[in-house]
PDB file of all heavy atoms in Angstrom:
ATOM      1  N   SER A   1       6.170  -6.576   4.595  1.00  0.00           N
ATOM      2  CA  SER A   1       6.950  -5.344   4.781  1.00  0.00           C
ATOM      3  C   SER A   1       8.098  -5.202   3.780  1.00  0.00           C
ATOM      4  O   SER A   1       8.458  -4.088   3.406  1.00  0.00           O
ATOM      5  CB  SER A   1       7.469  -5.228   6.214  1.00  0.00           C
ATOM      6  OG  SER A   1       8.222  -6.351   6.571  1.00  0.00           O
ATOM      7  N   LYS A   2       8.643  -6.325   3.320  1.00  0.00           N
ATOM      8  CA  LYS A   2       9.748  -6.240   2.339  1.00  0.00           C
ATOM      9  C   LYS A   2       9.222  -5.803   0.971  1.00  0.00           C
ATOM     10  O   LYS A   2       9.776  -4.908   0.331  1.00  0.00           O
ATOM     11  CB  LYS A   2      10.445  -7.601   2.231  1.00  0.00           C
ATOM     12  CG  LYS A   2      11.380  -7.888   3.405  1.00  0.00           C
ATOM     13  CD  LYS A   2      12.450  -8.907   3.014  1.00  0.00           C
ATOM     14  CE  LYS A   2      13.535  -9.001   4.073  1.00  0.00           C
ATOM     15  NZ  LYS A   2      13.073  -9.649   5.311  1.00  0.00           N
ATOM     16  N   LEU A   3       8.150  -6.461   0.509  1.00  0.00           N
ATOM     17  CA  LEU A   3       7.584  -6.108  -0.799  1.00  0.00           C
ATOM     18  C   LEU A   3       6.964  -4.712  -0.779  1.00  0.00           C
ATOM     19  O   LEU A   3       7.089  -3.961  -1.746  1.00  0.00           O
ATOM     20  CB  LEU A   3       6.539  -7.139  -1.235  1.00  0.00           C
ATOM     21  CG  LEU A   3       7.079  -8.439  -1.839  1.00  0.00           C
ATOM     22  CD1 LEU A   3       5.946  -9.401  -2.170  1.00  0.00           C
ATOM     23  CD2 LEU A   3       7.921  -8.168  -3.093  1.00  0.00           C
ATOM     24  N   SER A   4       6.288  -4.371   0.326  1.00  0.00           N
ATOM     25  CA  SER A   4       5.664  -3.043   0.383  1.00  0.00           C
ATOM     26  C   SER A   4       6.731  -1.940   0.423  1.00  0.00           C
ATOM     27  O   SER A   4       6.513  -0.840  -0.087  1.00  0.00           O
ATOM     28  CB  SER A   4       4.690  -2.922   1.554  1.00  0.00           C
ATOM     29  OG  SER A   4       5.295  -3.261   2.771  1.00  0.00           O
ATOM     30  N   GLU A   5       7.903  -2.252   0.978  1.00  0.00           N
ATOM     31  CA  GLU A   5       9.010  -1.279   0.932  1.00  0.00           C
ATOM     32  C   GLU A   5       9.496  -1.107  -0.508  1.00  0.00           C
ATOM     33  O   GLU A   5       9.696   0.016  -0.979  1.00  0.00           O
ATOM     34  CB  GLU A   5      10.168  -1.733   1.819  1.00  0.00           C
ATOM     35  CG  GLU A   5      11.310  -0.733   1.827  1.00  0.00           C
ATOM     36  CD  GLU A   5      12.501  -1.163   2.670  1.00  0.00           C
ATOM     37  OE1 GLU A   5      12.526  -2.316   3.151  1.00  0.00           O
ATOM     38  OE2 GLU A   5      13.424  -0.343   2.833  1.00  0.00           O
ATOM     39  N   GLU A   6       9.650  -2.214  -1.195  1.00  0.00           N
ATOM     40  CA  GLU A   6      10.090  -2.158  -2.599  1.00  0.00           C
ATOM     41  C   GLU A   6       9.100  -1.341  -3.434  1.00  0.00           C
ATOM     42  O   GLU A   6       9.492  -0.491  -4.239  1.00  0.00           O
ATOM     43  CB  GLU A   6      10.199  -3.593  -3.155  1.00  0.00           C
ATOM     44  CG  GLU A   6      10.798  -3.648  -4.543  1.00  0.00           C
ATOM     45  CD  GLU A   6      10.853  -5.076  -5.103  1.00  0.00           C
ATOM     46  OE1 GLU A   6      10.944  -6.042  -4.300  1.00  0.00           O
ATOM     47  OE2 GLU A   6      10.792  -5.212  -6.336  1.00  0.00           O
ATOM     48  N   ILE A   7       7.804  -1.575  -3.214  1.00  0.00           N
ATOM     49  CA  ILE A   7       6.763  -0.864  -3.973  1.00  0.00           C
ATOM     50  C   ILE A   7       6.765   0.624  -3.625  1.00  0.00           C
ATOM     51  O   ILE A   7       6.675   1.477  -4.510  1.00  0.00           O
ATOM     52  CB  ILE A   7       5.377  -1.498  -3.700  1.00  0.00           C
ATOM     53  CG1 ILE A   7       5.317  -2.911  -4.278  1.00  0.00           C
ATOM     54  CG2 ILE A   7       4.259  -0.643  -4.290  1.00  0.00           C
ATOM     55  CD1 ILE A   7       4.154  -3.759  -3.768  1.00  0.00           C
ATOM     56  N   THR A   8       6.887   0.943  -2.362  1.00  0.00           N
ATOM     57  CA  THR A   8       6.914   2.350  -1.918  1.00  0.00           C
ATOM     58  C   THR A   8       8.048   3.111  -2.595  1.00  0.00           C
ATOM     59  O   THR A   8       7.900   4.286  -2.964  1.00  0.00           O
ATOM     60  CB  THR A   8       7.072   2.429  -0.380  1.00  0.00           C
ATOM     61  OG1 THR A   8       5.977   1.757   0.242  1.00  0.00           O
ATOM     62  CG2 THR A   8       7.131   3.866   0.103  1.00  0.00           C
ATOM     63  N   LEU A   9       9.191   2.421  -2.783  1.00  0.00           N
ATOM     64  CA  LEU A   9      10.376   3.076  -3.348  1.00  0.00           C
ATOM     65  C   LEU A   9      10.374   3.143  -4.879  1.00  0.00           C
ATOM     66  O   LEU A   9      11.136   3.923  -5.457  1.00  0.00           O
ATOM     67  CB  LEU A   9      11.637   2.345  -2.878  1.00  0.00           C
ATOM     68  CG  LEU A   9      11.948   2.464  -1.380  1.00  0.00           C
ATOM     69  CD1 LEU A   9      13.082   1.520  -0.998  1.00  0.00           C
ATOM     70  CD2 LEU A   9      12.290   3.899  -0.995  1.00  0.00           C
ATOM     71  N   GLN A  10       9.542   2.346  -5.535  1.00  0.00           N
ATOM     72  CA  GLN A  10       9.551   2.309  -7.011  1.00  0.00           C
ATOM     73  C   GLN A  10       9.381   3.699  -7.641  1.00  0.00           C
ATOM     74  O   GLN A  10      10.186   4.083  -8.502  1.00  0.00           O
ATOM     75  CB  GLN A  10       8.473   1.345  -7.512  1.00  0.00           C
ATOM     76  CG  GLN A  10       8.863  -0.115  -7.359  1.00  0.00           C
ATOM     77  CD  GLN A  10       7.736  -1.075  -7.701  1.00  0.00           C
ATOM     78  OE1 GLN A  10       6.574  -0.679  -7.859  1.00  0.00           O
ATOM     79  NE2 GLN A  10       8.072  -2.358  -7.812  1.00  0.00           N
ATOM     80  N   PRO A  11       8.367   4.486  -7.254  1.00  0.00           N
ATOM     81  CA  PRO A  11       8.226   5.809  -7.875  1.00  0.00           C
ATOM     82  C   PRO A  11       9.314   6.795  -7.472  1.00  0.00           C
ATOM     83  O   PRO A  11       9.629   7.725  -8.219  1.00  0.00           O
ATOM     84  CB  PRO A  11       6.852   6.283  -7.380  1.00  0.00           C
ATOM     85  CG  PRO A  11       6.589   5.502  -6.150  1.00  0.00           C
ATOM     86  CD  PRO A  11       7.281   4.192  -6.317  1.00  0.00           C
ATOM     87  N   ILE A  12       9.913   6.574  -6.305  1.00  0.00           N
ATOM     88  CA  ILE A  12      11.022   7.441  -5.866  1.00  0.00           C
ATOM     89  C   ILE A  12      12.222   7.204  -6.776  1.00  0.00           C
ATOM     90  O   ILE A  12      12.893   8.138  -7.229  1.00  0.00           O
ATOM     91  CB  ILE A  12      11.399   7.153  -4.388  1.00  0.00           C
ATOM     92  CG1 ILE A  12      10.202   7.381  -3.457  1.00  0.00           C
ATOM     93  CG2 ILE A  12      12.602   7.987  -3.956  1.00  0.00           C
ATOM     94  CD1 ILE A  12       9.682   8.792  -3.409  1.00  0.00           C
ATOM     95  N   GLU A  13      12.488   5.933  -7.066  1.00  0.00           N
ATOM     96  CA  GLU A  13      13.632   5.586  -7.922  1.00  0.00           C
ATOM     97  C   GLU A  13      13.422   6.086  -9.345  1.00  0.00           C
ATOM     98  O   GLU A  13      14.363   6.523 -10.005  1.00  0.00           O
ATOM     99  CB  GLU A  13      13.830   4.061  -7.910  1.00  0.00           C
ATOM    100  CG  GLU A  13      14.383   3.564  -6.580  1.00  0.00           C
ATOM    101  CD  GLU A  13      14.238   2.060  -6.389  1.00  0.00           C
ATOM    102  OE1 GLU A  13      13.521   1.414  -7.176  1.00  0.00           O
ATOM    103  OE2 GLU A  13      14.832   1.530  -5.429  1.00  0.00           O
ATOM    104  N   ARG A  14      12.199   6.041  -9.815  1.00  0.00           N
ATOM    105  CA  ARG A  14      11.916   6.475 -11.190  1.00  0.00           C
ATOM    106  C   ARG A  14      11.878   7.993 -11.340  1.00  0.00           C
ATOM    107  O   ARG A  14      12.421   8.548 -12.287  1.00  0.00           O
ATOM    108  CB  ARG A  14      10.557   5.916 -11.641  1.00  0.00           C
ATOM    109  CG  ARG A  14      10.659   4.693 -12.501  1.00  0.00           C
ATOM    110  CD  ARG A  14       9.314   4.436 -13.151  1.00  0.00           C
ATOM    111  NE  ARG A  14       9.270   3.151 -13.804  1.00  0.00           N
ATOM    112  CZ  ARG A  14       9.586   2.921 -15.077  1.00  0.00           C
ATOM    113  NH1 ARG A  14      10.007   3.925 -15.825  1.00  0.00           N
ATOM    114  NH2 ARG A  14       9.500   1.718 -15.585  1.00  0.00           N
ATOM    115  N   PHE A  15      11.167   8.671 -10.431  1.00  0.00           N
ATOM    116  CA  PHE A  15      10.845  10.089 -10.644  1.00  0.00           C
ATOM    117  C   PHE A  15      11.442  11.043  -9.611  1.00  0.00           C
ATOM    118  O   PHE A  15      11.288  12.250  -9.741  1.00  0.00           O
ATOM    119  CB  PHE A  15       9.313  10.280 -10.647  1.00  0.00           C
ATOM    120  CG  PHE A  15       8.592   9.340 -11.569  1.00  0.00           C
ATOM    121  CD1 PHE A  15       7.776   8.332 -11.061  1.00  0.00           C
ATOM    122  CD2 PHE A  15       8.719   9.449 -12.952  1.00  0.00           C
ATOM    123  CE1 PHE A  15       7.103   7.453 -11.898  1.00  0.00           C
ATOM    124  CE2 PHE A  15       8.045   8.576 -13.807  1.00  0.00           C
ATOM    125  CZ  PHE A  15       7.245   7.565 -13.274  1.00  0.00           C
ATOM    126  N   ASP A  16      12.081  10.503  -8.585  1.00  0.00           N
ATOM    127  CA  ASP A  16      12.684  11.332  -7.539  1.00  0.00           C
ATOM    128  C   ASP A  16      11.661  12.303  -6.918  1.00  0.00           C
ATOM    129  O   ASP A  16      11.950  13.489  -6.724  1.00  0.00           O
ATOM    130  CB  ASP A  16      13.882  12.108  -8.110  1.00  0.00           C
ATOM    131  CG  ASP A  16      14.754  12.686  -6.986  1.00  0.00           C
ATOM    132  OD1 ASP A  16      14.768  12.108  -5.882  1.00  0.00           O
ATOM    133  OD2 ASP A  16      15.393  13.730  -7.224  1.00  0.00           O
ATOM    134  N   PHE A  17      10.465  11.796  -6.621  1.00  0.00           N
ATOM    135  CA  PHE A  17       9.461  12.616  -5.954  1.00  0.00           C
ATOM    136  C   PHE A  17       9.991  13.115  -4.611  1.00  0.00           C
ATOM    137  O   PHE A  17      10.919  12.534  -4.048  1.00  0.00           O
ATOM    138  CB  PHE A  17       8.173  11.811  -5.715  1.00  0.00           C
ATOM    139  CG  PHE A  17       7.383  11.515  -6.966  1.00  0.00           C
ATOM    140  CD1 PHE A  17       6.968  10.221  -7.256  1.00  0.00           C
ATOM    141  CD2 PHE A  17       7.003  12.530  -7.832  1.00  0.00           C
ATOM    142  CE1 PHE A  17       6.230   9.942  -8.394  1.00  0.00           C
ATOM    143  CE2 PHE A  17       6.259  12.274  -8.973  1.00  0.00           C
ATOM    144  CZ  PHE A  17       5.875  10.969  -9.259  1.00  0.00           C
ATOM    145  N   ASP A  18       9.352  14.149  -4.088  1.00  0.00           N
ATOM    146  CA  ASP A  18       9.807  14.746  -2.831  1.00  0.00           C
ATOM    147  C   ASP A  18       9.262  14.042  -1.591  1.00  0.00           C
ATOM    148  O   ASP A  18       9.618  14.407  -0.474  1.00  0.00           O
ATOM    149  CB  ASP A  18       9.416  16.232  -2.792  1.00  0.00           C
ATOM    150  CG  ASP A  18      10.164  17.015  -3.861  1.00  0.00           C
ATOM    151  OD1 ASP A  18      11.402  17.026  -3.806  1.00  0.00           O
ATOM    152  OD2 ASP A  18       9.516  17.577  -4.761  1.00  0.00           O
ATOM    153  N   ALA A  19       8.389  13.071  -1.805  1.00  0.00           N
ATOM    154  CA  ALA A  19       7.860  12.319  -0.666  1.00  0.00           C
ATOM    155  C   ALA A  19       7.594  10.885  -1.085  1.00  0.00           C
ATOM    156  O   ALA A  19       7.219  10.608  -2.223  1.00  0.00           O
ATOM    157  CB  ALA A  19       6.562  12.950  -0.161  1.00  0.00           C
ATOM    158  N   ALA A  20       7.801   9.984  -0.137  1.00  0.00           N
ATOM    159  CA  ALA A  20       7.385   8.586  -0.309  1.00  0.00           C
ATOM    160  C   ALA A  20       6.125   8.404   0.524  1.00  0.00           C
ATOM    161  O   ALA A  20       6.100   8.774   1.700  1.00  0.00           O
ATOM    162  CB  ALA A  20       8.477   7.646   0.183  1.00  0.00           C
ATOM    163  N   ILE A  21       5.077   7.886  -0.089  1.00  0.00           N
ATOM    164  CA  ILE A  21       3.874   7.552   0.671  1.00  0.00           C
ATOM    165  C   ILE A  21       3.826   6.038   0.773  1.00  0.00           C
ATOM    166  O   ILE A  21       4.040   5.331  -0.214  1.00  0.00           O
ATOM    167  CB  ILE A  21       2.581   8.133   0.047  1.00  0.00           C
ATOM    168  CG1 ILE A  21       1.374   7.792   0.940  1.00  0.00           C
ATOM    169  CG2 ILE A  21       2.379   7.700  -1.387  1.00  0.00           C
ATOM    170  CD1 ILE A  21       0.132   8.612   0.657  1.00  0.00           C
ATOM    171  N   ILE A  22       3.599   5.537   1.974  1.00  0.00           N
ATOM    172  CA  ILE A  22       3.700   4.087   2.185  1.00  0.00           C
ATOM    173  C   ILE A  22       2.684   3.340   1.332  1.00  0.00           C
ATOM    174  O   ILE A  22       1.572   3.810   1.102  1.00  0.00           O
ATOM    175  CB  ILE A  22       3.529   3.699   3.674  1.00  0.00           C
ATOM    176  CG1 ILE A  22       2.165   4.132   4.229  1.00  0.00           C
ATOM    177  CG2 ILE A  22       4.665   4.251   4.495  1.00  0.00           C
ATOM    178  CD1 ILE A  22       1.804   3.492   5.550  1.00  0.00           C
ATOM    179  N   PHE A  23       3.097   2.175   0.857  1.00  0.00           N
ATOM    180  CA  PHE A  23       2.176   1.302   0.130  1.00  0.00           C
ATOM    181  C   PHE A  23       1.325   0.569   1.163  1.00  0.00           C
ATOM    182  O   PHE A  23       1.796  -0.313   1.878  1.00  0.00           O
ATOM    183  CB  PHE A  23       2.940   0.304  -0.745  1.00  0.00           C
ATOM    184  CG  PHE A  23       2.014  -0.636  -1.474  1.00  0.00           C
ATOM    185  CD1 PHE A  23       1.231  -0.195  -2.523  1.00  0.00           C
ATOM    186  CD2 PHE A  23       1.904  -1.961  -1.075  1.00  0.00           C
ATOM    187  CE1 PHE A  23       0.362  -1.053  -3.181  1.00  0.00           C
ATOM    188  CE2 PHE A  23       1.041  -2.828  -1.729  1.00  0.00           C
ATOM    189  CZ  PHE A  23       0.268  -2.379  -2.784  1.00  0.00           C
ATOM    190  N   SER A  24       0.073   1.004   1.266  1.00  0.00           N
ATOM    191  CA  SER A  24      -0.854   0.423   2.230  1.00  0.00           C
ATOM    192  C   SER A  24      -2.264   0.733   1.736  1.00  0.00           C
ATOM    193  O   SER A  24      -2.453   1.032   0.558  1.00  0.00           O
ATOM    194  CB  SER A  24      -0.587   1.011   3.621  1.00  0.00           C
ATOM    195  OG  SER A  24      -1.369   0.352   4.595  1.00  0.00           O
ATOM    196  N   ASP A  25      -3.240   0.690   2.623  1.00  0.00           N
ATOM    197  CA  ASP A  25      -4.615   0.974   2.221  1.00  0.00           C
ATOM    198  C   ASP A  25      -5.397   1.484   3.424  1.00  0.00           C
ATOM    199  O   ASP A  25      -5.133   1.084   4.555  1.00  0.00           O
ATOM    200  CB  ASP A  25      -5.286  -0.283   1.665  1.00  0.00           C
ATOM    201  CG  ASP A  25      -6.536   0.057   0.867  1.00  0.00           C
ATOM    202  OD1 ASP A  25      -7.621   0.120   1.480  1.00  0.00           O
ATOM    203  OD2 ASP A  25      -6.446   0.287  -0.344  1.00  0.00           O
ATOM    204  N   ILE A  26      -6.381   2.356   3.164  1.00  0.00           N
ATOM    205  CA  ILE A  26      -7.187   2.875   4.271  1.00  0.00           C
ATOM    206  C   ILE A  26      -8.009   1.771   4.938  1.00  0.00           C
ATOM    207  O   ILE A  26      -8.368   1.883   6.110  1.00  0.00           O
ATOM    208  CB  ILE A  26      -8.120   4.034   3.823  1.00  0.00           C
ATOM    209  CG1 ILE A  26      -9.115   3.583   2.746  1.00  0.00           C
ATOM    210  CG2 ILE A  26      -7.319   5.238   3.362  1.00  0.00           C
ATOM    211  CD1 ILE A  26     -10.216   4.600   2.451  1.00  0.00           C
ATOM    212  N   LEU A  27      -8.274   0.674   4.214  1.00  0.00           N
ATOM    213  CA  LEU A  27      -9.107  -0.396   4.778  1.00  0.00           C
ATOM    214  C   LEU A  27      -8.323  -1.349   5.679  1.00  0.00           C
ATOM    215  O   LEU A  27      -8.862  -2.351   6.144  1.00  0.00           O
ATOM    216  CB  LEU A  27      -9.809  -1.172   3.660  1.00  0.00           C
ATOM    217  CG  LEU A  27     -10.836  -0.354   2.861  1.00  0.00           C
ATOM    218  CD1 LEU A  27     -11.515  -1.216   1.812  1.00  0.00           C
ATOM    219  CD2 LEU A  27     -11.880   0.285   3.776  1.00  0.00           C
ATOM    220  N   MET A  28      -7.070  -1.022   5.945  1.00  0.00           N
ATOM    221  CA  MET A  28      -6.314  -1.837   6.896  1.00  0.00           C
ATOM    222  C   MET A  28      -6.885  -1.685   8.313  1.00  0.00           C
ATOM    223  O   MET A  28      -6.723  -2.571   9.138  1.00  0.00           O
ATOM    224  CB  MET A  28      -4.830  -1.451   6.890  1.00  0.00           C
ATOM    225  CG  MET A  28      -4.116  -1.691   5.563  1.00  0.00           C
ATOM    226  SD  MET A  28      -4.414  -3.297   4.811  1.00  0.00           S
ATOM    227  CE  MET A  28      -3.553  -4.382   5.934  1.00  0.00           C
ATOM    228  N   ILE A  29      -7.591  -0.586   8.582  1.00  0.00           N
ATOM    229  CA  ILE A  29      -8.211  -0.426   9.911  1.00  0.00           C
ATOM    230  C   ILE A  29      -9.369  -1.417  10.101  1.00  0.00           C
ATOM    231  O   ILE A  29      -9.373  -2.163  11.083  1.00  0.00           O
ATOM    232  CB  ILE A  29      -8.673   1.028  10.151  1.00  0.00           C
ATOM    233  CG1 ILE A  29      -7.464   1.934  10.360  1.00  0.00           C
ATOM    234  CG2 ILE A  29      -9.624   1.116  11.346  1.00  0.00           C
ATOM    235  CD1 ILE A  29      -6.949   2.054  11.768  1.00  0.00           C
ATOM    236  N   PRO A  30     -10.357  -1.459   9.196  1.00  0.00           N
ATOM    237  CA  PRO A  30     -11.399  -2.495   9.358  1.00  0.00           C
ATOM    238  C   PRO A  30     -10.800  -3.899   9.434  1.00  0.00           C
ATOM    239  O   PRO A  30     -11.211  -4.718  10.253  1.00  0.00           O
ATOM    240  CB  PRO A  30     -12.275  -2.342   8.114  1.00  0.00           C
ATOM    241  CG  PRO A  30     -12.040  -0.966   7.638  1.00  0.00           C
ATOM    242  CD  PRO A  30     -10.676  -0.558   8.079  1.00  0.00           C
ATOM    243  N   TYR A  31      -9.787  -4.160   8.600  1.00  0.00           N
ATOM    244  CA  TYR A  31      -9.111  -5.460   8.641  1.00  0.00           C
ATOM    245  C   TYR A  31      -8.465  -5.672  10.015  1.00  0.00           C
ATOM    246  O   TYR A  31      -8.570  -6.745  10.609  1.00  0.00           O
ATOM    247  CB  TYR A  31      -8.053  -5.540   7.530  1.00  0.00           C
ATOM    248  CG  TYR A  31      -7.150  -6.746   7.672  1.00  0.00           C
ATOM    249  CD1 TYR A  31      -7.544  -7.997   7.199  1.00  0.00           C
ATOM    250  CD2 TYR A  31      -5.905  -6.635   8.314  1.00  0.00           C
ATOM    251  CE1 TYR A  31      -6.720  -9.110   7.356  1.00  0.00           C
ATOM    252  CE2 TYR A  31      -5.088  -7.738   8.475  1.00  0.00           C
ATOM    253  CZ  TYR A  31      -5.503  -8.972   7.995  1.00  0.00           C
ATOM    254  OH  TYR A  31      -4.695 -10.066   8.164  1.00  0.00           O
ATOM    255  N   GLY A  32      -7.799  -4.634  10.518  1.00  0.00           N
ATOM    256  CA  GLY A  32      -7.133  -4.728  11.815  1.00  0.00           C
ATOM    257  C   GLY A  32      -8.099  -4.960  12.967  1.00  0.00           C
ATOM    258  O   GLY A  32      -7.748  -5.548  13.981  1.00  0.00           O
ATOM    259  N   LEU A  33      -9.343  -4.499  12.789  1.00  0.00           N
ATOM    260  CA  LEU A  33     -10.372  -4.698  13.814  1.00  0.00           C
ATOM    261  C   LEU A  33     -10.983  -6.097  13.754  1.00  0.00           C
ATOM    262  O   LEU A  33     -11.670  -6.518  14.673  1.00  0.00           O
ATOM    263  CB  LEU A  33     -11.495  -3.662  13.659  1.00  0.00           C
ATOM    264  CG  LEU A  33     -11.127  -2.203  13.952  1.00  0.00           C
ATOM    265  CD1 LEU A  33     -12.281  -1.282  13.586  1.00  0.00           C
ATOM    266  CD2 LEU A  33     -10.761  -2.025  15.420  1.00  0.00           C
ATOM    267  N   GLY A  34     -10.741  -6.789  12.633  1.00  0.00           N
ATOM    268  CA  GLY A  34     -11.265  -8.153  12.519  1.00  0.00           C
ATOM    269  C   GLY A  34     -12.410  -8.287  11.535  1.00  0.00           C
ATOM    270  O   GLY A  34     -12.985  -9.370  11.389  1.00  0.00           O
ATOM    271  N   GLN A  35     -12.758  -7.196  10.815  1.00  0.00           N
ATOM    272  CA  GLN A  35     -13.775  -7.320   9.766  1.00  0.00           C
ATOM    273  C   GLN A  35     -13.110  -7.925   8.530  1.00  0.00           C
ATOM    274  O   GLN A  35     -11.975  -7.569   8.194  1.00  0.00           O
ATOM    275  CB  GLN A  35     -14.379  -5.951   9.414  1.00  0.00           C
ATOM    276  CG  GLN A  35     -15.556  -6.037   8.436  1.00  0.00           C
ATOM    277  CD  GLN A  35     -16.245  -4.684   8.225  1.00  0.00           C
ATOM    278  OE1 GLN A  35     -15.718  -3.636   8.605  1.00  0.00           O
ATOM    279  NE2 GLN A  35     -17.417  -4.695   7.616  1.00  0.00           N
ATOM    280  N   GLU A  36     -13.796  -8.823   7.880  1.00  0.00           N
ATOM    281  CA  GLU A  36     -13.214  -9.434   6.683  1.00  0.00           C
ATOM    282  C   GLU A  36     -13.116  -8.388   5.577  1.00  0.00           C
ATOM    283  O   GLU A  36     -14.075  -7.656   5.315  1.00  0.00           O
ATOM    284  CB  GLU A  36     -14.094 -10.603   6.222  1.00  0.00           C
ATOM    285  CG  GLU A  36     -13.419 -11.480   5.181  1.00  0.00           C
ATOM    286  CD  GLU A  36     -14.333 -12.629   4.734  1.00  0.00           C
ATOM    287  OE1 GLU A  36     -15.121 -13.123   5.556  1.00  0.00           O
ATOM    288  OE2 GLU A  36     -14.232 -12.998   3.558  1.00  0.00           O
ATOM    289  N   VAL A  37     -11.955  -8.292   4.952  1.00  0.00           N
ATOM    290  CA  VAL A  37     -11.747  -7.357   3.840  1.00  0.00           C
ATOM    291  C   VAL A  37     -11.075  -8.117   2.705  1.00  0.00           C
ATOM    292  O   VAL A  37     -10.007  -8.695   2.879  1.00  0.00           O
ATOM    293  CB  VAL A  37     -10.852  -6.153   4.239  1.00  0.00           C
ATOM    294  CG1 VAL A  37     -10.675  -5.203   3.054  1.00  0.00           C
ATOM    295  CG2 VAL A  37     -11.429  -5.407   5.435  1.00  0.00           C
ATOM    296  N   GLU A  38     -11.724  -8.087   1.543  1.00  0.00           N
ATOM    297  CA  GLU A  38     -11.169  -8.777   0.367  1.00  0.00           C
ATOM    298  C   GLU A  38     -11.239  -7.831  -0.828  1.00  0.00           C
ATOM    299  O   GLU A  38     -12.212  -7.089  -0.980  1.00  0.00           O
ATOM    300  CB  GLU A  38     -12.008 -10.038   0.092  1.00  0.00           C
ATOM    301  CG  GLU A  38     -11.462 -10.896  -1.024  1.00  0.00           C
ATOM    302  CD  GLU A  38     -12.425 -12.028  -1.401  1.00  0.00           C
ATOM    303  OE1 GLU A  38     -13.498 -12.149  -0.780  1.00  0.00           O
ATOM    304  OE2 GLU A  38     -12.099 -12.768  -2.343  1.00  0.00           O
ATOM    305  N   PHE A  39     -10.192  -7.826  -1.636  1.00  0.00           N
ATOM    306  CA  PHE A  39     -10.195  -7.003  -2.845  1.00  0.00           C
ATOM    307  C   PHE A  39     -10.411  -7.909  -4.056  1.00  0.00           C
ATOM    308  O   PHE A  39      -9.604  -8.787  -4.318  1.00  0.00           O
ATOM    309  CB  PHE A  39      -8.876  -6.231  -2.976  1.00  0.00           C
ATOM    310  CG  PHE A  39      -8.777  -5.069  -2.041  1.00  0.00           C
ATOM    311  CD1 PHE A  39      -8.425  -5.251  -0.713  1.00  0.00           C
ATOM    312  CD2 PHE A  39      -9.070  -3.781  -2.473  1.00  0.00           C
ATOM    313  CE1 PHE A  39      -8.340  -4.178   0.170  1.00  0.00           C
ATOM    314  CE2 PHE A  39      -8.992  -2.703  -1.605  1.00  0.00           C
ATOM    315  CZ  PHE A  39      -8.631  -2.898  -0.285  1.00  0.00           C
ATOM    316  N   LYS A  40     -11.523  -7.674  -4.761  1.00  0.00           N
ATOM    317  CA  LYS A  40     -11.837  -8.515  -5.917  1.00  0.00           C
ATOM    318  C   LYS A  40     -11.467  -7.780  -7.202  1.00  0.00           C
ATOM    319  O   LYS A  40     -11.751  -6.586  -7.348  1.00  0.00           O
ATOM    320  CB  LYS A  40     -13.325  -8.857  -5.930  1.00  0.00           C
ATOM    321  CG  LYS A  40     -13.751  -9.751  -4.773  1.00  0.00           C
ATOM    322  CD  LYS A  40     -15.207 -10.139  -4.924  1.00  0.00           C
ATOM    323  CE  LYS A  40     -15.602 -11.162  -3.861  1.00  0.00           C
ATOM    324  NZ  LYS A  40     -17.028 -11.498  -3.936  1.00  0.00           N
ATOM    325  N   LYS A  41     -10.859  -8.505  -8.128  1.00  0.00           N
ATOM    326  CA  LYS A  41     -10.426  -7.909  -9.396  1.00  0.00           C
ATOM    327  C   LYS A  41     -11.633  -7.351 -10.156  1.00  0.00           C
ATOM    328  O   LYS A  41     -12.676  -7.990 -10.234  1.00  0.00           O
ATOM    329  CB  LYS A  41      -9.713  -8.970 -10.237  1.00  0.00           C
ATOM    330  CG  LYS A  41      -8.910  -8.362 -11.359  1.00  0.00           C
ATOM    331  CD  LYS A  41      -8.075  -9.382 -12.084  1.00  0.00           C
ATOM    332  CE  LYS A  41      -7.278  -8.706 -13.172  1.00  0.00           C
ATOM    333  NZ  LYS A  41      -6.497  -9.645 -13.959  1.00  0.00           N
ATOM    334  N   ASN A  42     -11.459  -6.148 -10.694  1.00  0.00           N
ATOM    335  CA  ASN A  42     -12.500  -5.446 -11.461  1.00  0.00           C
ATOM    336  C   ASN A  42     -13.762  -5.167 -10.647  1.00  0.00           C
ATOM    337  O   ASN A  42     -14.834  -4.922 -11.209  1.00  0.00           O
ATOM    338  CB  ASN A  42     -12.879  -6.221 -12.734  1.00  0.00           C
ATOM    339  CG  ASN A  42     -11.684  -6.476 -13.618  1.00  0.00           C
ATOM    340  OD1 ASN A  42     -10.805  -5.618 -13.744  1.00  0.00           O
ATOM    341  ND2 ASN A  42     -11.607  -7.656 -14.206  1.00  0.00           N
ATOM    342  N   PHE A  43     -13.649  -5.242  -9.333  1.00  0.00           N
ATOM    343  CA  PHE A  43     -14.809  -4.962  -8.471  1.00  0.00           C
ATOM    344  C   PHE A  43     -14.432  -4.005  -7.340  1.00  0.00           C
ATOM    345  O   PHE A  43     -15.134  -3.058  -7.053  1.00  0.00           O
ATOM    346  CB  PHE A  43     -15.370  -6.274  -7.882  1.00  0.00           C
ATOM    347  CG  PHE A  43     -16.537  -6.057  -6.964  1.00  0.00           C
ATOM    348  CD1 PHE A  43     -17.797  -5.807  -7.484  1.00  0.00           C
ATOM    349  CD2 PHE A  43     -16.377  -6.074  -5.571  1.00  0.00           C
ATOM    350  CE1 PHE A  43     -18.885  -5.581  -6.638  1.00  0.00           C
ATOM    351  CE2 PHE A  43     -17.452  -5.851  -4.717  1.00  0.00           C
ATOM    352  CZ  PHE A  43     -18.715  -5.609  -5.255  1.00  0.00           C
TER     353      PHE A  43
END
C-alpha cells in the first residue's frame, strides 16, 4: 500500500491530472479468489 500510493501519485505530481487512478490490476480478483496469477516479463 505504501509503494502503490507513491506510484499512484507519480503522474499527479508530474502532470497535475484531474484524477488519480489507483495503481492496481483487474486480475486482483482472480488472485483474491485464490487462482494463481503471475506476471511474466515480455509475456
